[in-house]
Structures are given as structure tokens and as C-alpha cells.
Amino acid sequence: MSAEFGPYIQMCTLAQQMAAQYQKDANLALAPFLKHFMDEVEVNVAADAFNHLGFMEKIRDPVELGAENTSDPRRKEFLQALAAALDERIHRP
């Protein structure tokens, strides 16, 4: 699969969709919602033999940019937490 159309594209889209849901629904708790996304990351990492670190970095970088560019506090909270979770996963041995 080319870098232009890698699975990280769909994961970045999912991150933004989930950020919008989190932004709109004050009843959503951050931790379980974030865990749901990271479970999807783990499924992708386990399913393919490609550059896993690059995959997660290509998700993290646009997510961080999205957090910087939003003014909504809940959306920012979700995207920052997601970027931090991805960064933690990248640095896990």
C-alpha cells in the first residue's frame, strides 16, 4: 500500500470523527473513548507487517496539529490525550 493511501489516513479520519463526537457529547468520558481508538490502533499494528512506528507517527502528527488548531476545549482535550497516548505507544518497548 502506498504512503499516500496508507491505513493511517483512515485512522486520522476516525480520530477527527471521534473528536467531533466527544466535543458534542458532554456525557462521553475521555478514558474509555480514548481506549476505543487505541484498541483500533492495536488491531492495525497486529494485522500488518509494515512500519508500525511510522504508522503511529503519521496518525499522531496530524492529531497534534488538529489539537493546536481547535478552539473547542473538549475537542482539544480529546486530541491532546490521543496524541499523548499514541506517543506513549510509540515509545513502549
N, C-alpha and C. Protein backbone atom coordinates (compact mmCIF):
# COMPACT_ATOMS: atom_id res chain seq x y z
N MET A 1 0.86 -1.18 0.00
CA MET A 1 0.00 0.00 0.00
C MET A 1 0.90 1.23 0.00
N SER A 2 0.59 2.19 -0.82
CA SER A 2 1.43 3.37 -0.92
C SER A 2 1.27 4.26 0.31
N ALA A 3 2.27 5.11 0.52
CA ALA A 3 2.22 6.04 1.66
C ALA A 3 1.06 7.02 1.53
N GLU A 4 0.66 7.31 0.29
CA GLU A 4 -0.44 8.25 0.07
C GLU A 4 -1.77 7.72 0.58
N PHE A 5 -1.93 6.41 0.55
CA PHE A 5 -3.23 5.81 0.88
C PHE A 5 -3.12 4.80 2.01
N GLY A 6 -2.12 4.96 2.86
CA GLY A 6 -1.92 4.03 3.96
C GLY A 6 -3.08 4.04 4.94
N PRO A 7 -3.14 3.01 5.78
CA PRO A 7 -4.25 2.91 6.75
C PRO A 7 -4.26 4.04 7.77
N TYR A 8 -3.15 4.74 7.92
CA TYR A 8 -3.14 5.86 8.85
C TYR A 8 -4.10 6.96 8.41
N ILE A 9 -4.38 7.07 7.10
CA ILE A 9 -5.32 8.07 6.60
C ILE A 9 -6.70 7.83 7.24
N GLN A 10 -7.16 6.58 7.23
CA GLN A 10 -8.45 6.24 7.82
C GLN A 10 -8.43 6.47 9.33
N MET A 11 -7.29 6.20 9.97
CA MET A 11 -7.19 6.39 11.41
C MET A 11 -7.23 7.87 11.76
N CYS A 12 -6.61 8.71 10.93
CA CYS A 12 -6.67 10.16 11.17
C CYS A 12 -8.10 10.66 11.01
N THR A 13 -8.80 10.13 10.02
CA THR A 13 -10.21 10.50 9.81
C THR A 13 -11.04 10.06 11.01
N LEU A 14 -10.81 8.84 11.48
CA LEU A 14 -11.53 8.34 12.65
C LEU A 14 -11.24 9.21 13.87
N ALA A 15 -10.00 9.62 14.04
CA ALA A 15 -9.65 10.49 15.19
C ALA A 15 -10.45 11.78 15.15
N GLN A 16 -10.56 12.38 13.99
CA GLN A 16 -11.32 13.64 13.87
C GLN A 16 -12.82 13.42 14.09
N GLN A 17 -13.34 12.30 13.60
CA GLN A 17 -14.75 11.99 13.82
C GLN A 17 -15.03 11.76 15.30
N MET A 18 -14.13 11.05 15.96
CA MET A 18 -14.32 10.81 17.39
C MET A 18 -14.16 12.10 18.19
N ALA A 19 -13.25 12.97 17.77
CA ALA A 19 -13.09 14.26 18.45
C ALA A 19 -14.37 15.07 18.33
N ALA A 20 -15.02 15.03 17.18
CA ALA A 20 -16.28 15.75 17.00
C ALA A 20 -17.37 15.17 17.90
N GLN A 21 -17.42 13.83 18.02
CA GLN A 21 -18.41 13.21 18.91
C GLN A 21 -18.14 13.59 20.35
N TYR A 22 -16.87 13.55 20.76
CA TYR A 22 -16.51 13.90 22.13
C TYR A 22 -16.84 15.36 22.41
N GLN A 23 -16.59 16.22 21.43
CA GLN A 23 -16.88 17.65 21.56
C GLN A 23 -18.36 17.89 21.80
N LYS A 24 -19.21 17.16 21.11
CA LYS A 24 -20.66 17.40 21.15
C LYS A 24 -21.36 16.74 22.33
N ASP A 25 -20.79 15.66 22.86
CA ASP A 25 -21.48 14.89 23.89
C ASP A 25 -20.74 14.99 25.22
N ALA A 26 -21.21 15.84 26.10
CA ALA A 26 -20.56 16.04 27.40
C ALA A 26 -20.66 14.81 28.29
N ASN A 27 -21.49 13.84 27.93
CA ASN A 27 -21.62 12.62 28.72
C ASN A 27 -20.56 11.58 28.40
N LEU A 28 -19.80 11.79 27.32
CA LEU A 28 -18.74 10.83 26.98
C LEU A 28 -17.55 11.04 27.92
N ALA A 29 -17.10 9.96 28.51
CA ALA A 29 -15.91 10.01 29.37
C ALA A 29 -14.67 9.84 28.50
N LEU A 30 -13.65 10.60 28.79
CA LEU A 30 -12.45 10.60 27.95
C LEU A 30 -11.74 9.24 27.93
N ALA A 31 -11.47 8.66 29.07
CA ALA A 31 -10.65 7.44 29.14
C ALA A 31 -11.20 6.28 28.31
N PRO A 32 -12.47 5.89 28.47
CA PRO A 32 -12.94 4.76 27.67
C PRO A 32 -13.05 5.10 26.18
N PHE A 33 -13.34 6.34 25.87
CA PHE A 33 -13.44 6.76 24.47
C PHE A 33 -12.06 6.71 23.82
N LEU A 34 -11.06 7.19 24.55
CA LEU A 34 -9.69 7.14 24.08
C LEU A 34 -9.22 5.69 23.92
N LYS A 35 -9.57 4.84 24.87
CA LYS A 35 -9.20 3.43 24.80
C LYS A 35 -9.77 2.78 23.55
N HIS A 36 -10.97 3.15 23.16
CA HIS A 36 -11.58 2.60 21.96
C HIS A 36 -10.70 2.90 20.73
N PHE A 37 -10.23 4.13 20.62
CA PHE A 37 -9.38 4.48 19.49
C PHE A 37 -8.07 3.70 19.54
N MET A 38 -7.44 3.64 20.71
CA MET A 38 -6.16 2.95 20.83
C MET A 38 -6.31 1.46 20.57
N ASP A 39 -7.48 0.88 20.88
CA ASP A 39 -7.74 -0.52 20.53
C ASP A 39 -7.70 -0.69 19.02
N GLU A 40 -8.25 0.28 18.29
CA GLU A 40 -8.22 0.24 16.82
C GLU A 40 -6.77 0.33 16.32
N VAL A 41 -5.95 1.14 16.97
CA VAL A 41 -4.54 1.22 16.60
C VAL A 41 -3.87 -0.14 16.78
N GLU A 42 -4.13 -0.77 17.91
CA GLU A 42 -3.53 -2.08 18.19
C GLU A 42 -3.96 -3.12 17.16
N VAL A 43 -5.21 -3.09 16.74
CA VAL A 43 -5.69 -4.02 15.71
C VAL A 43 -4.89 -3.82 14.43
N ASN A 44 -4.68 -2.58 14.03
CA ASN A 44 -3.91 -2.30 12.82
C ASN A 44 -2.46 -2.73 12.96
N VAL A 45 -1.87 -2.46 14.11
CA VAL A 45 -0.47 -2.83 14.34
C VAL A 45 -0.32 -4.35 14.30
N ALA A 46 -1.26 -5.07 14.87
CA ALA A 46 -1.18 -6.53 14.91
C ALA A 46 -1.47 -7.16 13.55
N ALA A 47 -2.21 -6.47 12.71
CA ALA A 47 -2.69 -7.07 11.47
C ALA A 47 -1.73 -6.98 10.30
N ASP A 48 -0.78 -6.09 10.34
CA ASP A 48 0.07 -5.86 9.19
C ASP A 48 1.55 -5.90 9.54
N ALA A 49 2.33 -6.18 8.53
CA ALA A 49 3.79 -6.17 8.68
C ALA A 49 4.33 -4.95 7.95
N PHE A 50 4.17 -3.81 8.56
CA PHE A 50 4.70 -2.58 7.98
C PHE A 50 5.36 -1.78 9.08
N ASN A 51 5.79 -0.60 8.79
CA ASN A 51 6.47 0.26 9.75
C ASN A 51 5.48 0.75 10.80
N HIS A 52 5.39 0.04 11.91
CA HIS A 52 4.40 0.38 12.95
C HIS A 52 4.66 1.74 13.58
N LEU A 53 5.91 2.07 13.81
CA LEU A 53 6.22 3.37 14.40
C LEU A 53 5.83 4.49 13.44
N GLY A 54 6.15 4.30 12.17
CA GLY A 54 5.77 5.29 11.17
C GLY A 54 4.27 5.44 11.07
N PHE A 55 3.55 4.32 11.19
CA PHE A 55 2.09 4.32 11.15
C PHE A 55 1.54 5.18 12.27
N MET A 56 2.04 4.97 13.48
CA MET A 56 1.53 5.73 14.62
C MET A 56 1.97 7.19 14.57
N GLU A 57 3.18 7.45 14.09
CA GLU A 57 3.63 8.83 13.95
C GLU A 57 2.79 9.59 12.92
N LYS A 58 2.40 8.89 11.86
CA LYS A 58 1.59 9.53 10.81
C LYS A 58 0.16 9.79 11.29
N ILE A 59 -0.25 9.15 12.36
CA ILE A 59 -1.54 9.47 12.98
C ILE A 59 -1.33 10.60 13.99
N ARG A 60 -0.30 10.44 14.81
CA ARG A 60 -0.06 11.40 15.89
C ARG A 60 0.15 12.82 15.39
N ASP A 61 0.96 12.98 14.35
CA ASP A 61 1.32 14.32 13.89
C ASP A 61 0.10 15.15 13.46
N PRO A 62 -0.81 14.62 12.61
CA PRO A 62 -1.99 15.41 12.26
C PRO A 62 -2.94 15.62 13.44
N VAL A 63 -2.98 14.64 14.36
CA VAL A 63 -3.82 14.78 15.55
C VAL A 63 -3.30 15.93 16.41
N GLU A 64 -1.98 16.01 16.59
CA GLU A 64 -1.40 17.12 17.35
C GLU A 64 -1.70 18.46 16.68
N LEU A 65 -1.59 18.50 15.37
CA LEU A 65 -1.89 19.72 14.63
C LEU A 65 -3.36 20.10 14.82
N GLY A 66 -4.25 19.11 14.77
CA GLY A 66 -5.67 19.37 14.99
C GLY A 66 -5.93 19.94 16.38
N ALA A 67 -5.20 19.43 17.37
CA ALA A 67 -5.36 19.94 18.74
C ALA A 67 -4.91 21.39 18.83
N GLU A 68 -3.83 21.71 18.14
CA GLU A 68 -3.32 23.08 18.16
C GLU A 68 -4.27 24.05 17.46
N ASN A 69 -4.99 23.55 16.46
CA ASN A 69 -5.81 24.43 15.62
C ASN A 69 -7.27 24.53 16.03
N THR A 70 -7.66 23.86 17.11
CA THR A 70 -9.05 23.95 17.53
C THR A 70 -9.17 24.87 18.74
N SER A 71 -10.30 25.55 18.79
CA SER A 71 -10.54 26.40 19.96
C SER A 71 -11.50 25.75 20.94
N ASP A 72 -12.16 24.65 20.52
CA ASP A 72 -13.10 23.97 21.41
C ASP A 72 -12.33 23.19 22.48
N PRO A 73 -12.59 23.45 23.77
CA PRO A 73 -11.82 22.80 24.82
C PRO A 73 -11.99 21.28 24.87
N ARG A 74 -13.19 20.76 24.63
CA ARG A 74 -13.37 19.31 24.69
C ARG A 74 -12.69 18.63 23.51
N ARG A 75 -12.82 19.21 22.34
CA ARG A 75 -12.15 18.64 21.16
C ARG A 75 -10.63 18.65 21.38
N LYS A 76 -10.11 19.77 21.89
CA LYS A 76 -8.68 19.89 22.18
C LYS A 76 -8.26 18.84 23.20
N GLU A 77 -9.06 18.67 24.25
CA GLU A 77 -8.75 17.68 25.29
C GLU A 77 -8.62 16.28 24.69
N PHE A 78 -9.58 15.89 23.85
CA PHE A 78 -9.54 14.56 23.25
C PHE A 78 -8.32 14.42 22.34
N LEU A 79 -8.10 15.38 21.47
CA LEU A 79 -6.99 15.26 20.52
C LEU A 79 -5.63 15.28 21.23
N GLN A 80 -5.49 16.09 22.28
CA GLN A 80 -4.23 16.10 23.03
C GLN A 80 -4.03 14.76 23.75
N ALA A 81 -5.08 14.22 24.33
CA ALA A 81 -4.98 12.93 25.02
C ALA A 81 -4.65 11.82 24.02
N LEU A 82 -5.25 11.89 22.84
CA LEU A 82 -4.99 10.90 21.81
C LEU A 82 -3.54 10.99 21.33
N ALA A 83 -3.03 12.19 21.10
CA ALA A 83 -1.64 12.36 20.68
C ALA A 83 -0.69 11.83 21.76
N ALA A 84 -1.00 12.09 23.01
CA ALA A 84 -0.16 11.60 24.12
C ALA A 84 -0.20 10.07 24.20
N ALA A 85 -1.37 9.48 23.99
CA ALA A 85 -1.49 8.02 24.03
C ALA A 85 -0.71 7.39 22.88
N LEU A 86 -0.79 8.00 21.71
CA LEU A 86 -0.02 7.49 20.57
C LEU A 86 1.48 7.62 20.84
N ASP A 87 1.89 8.74 21.39
CA ASP A 87 3.30 8.95 21.69
C ASP A 87 3.78 7.92 22.71
N GLU A 88 2.95 7.66 23.73
CA GLU A 88 3.30 6.64 24.73
C GLU A 88 3.43 5.27 24.08
N ARG A 89 2.52 4.95 23.18
CA ARG A 89 2.56 3.65 22.49
C ARG A 89 3.80 3.54 21.59
N ILE A 90 4.17 4.65 20.95
CA ILE A 90 5.35 4.66 20.10
C ILE A 90 6.61 4.34 20.92
N HIS A 91 6.67 4.88 22.11
CA HIS A 91 7.87 4.72 22.94
C HIS A 91 7.84 3.51 23.85
N ARG A 92 6.79 2.73 23.77
CA ARG A 92 6.71 1.49 24.58
C ARG A 92 7.62 0.45 23.94
N PRO A 93 8.42 -0.25 24.76
CA PRO A 93 9.31 -1.28 24.19
C PRO A 93 8.57 -2.44 23.61
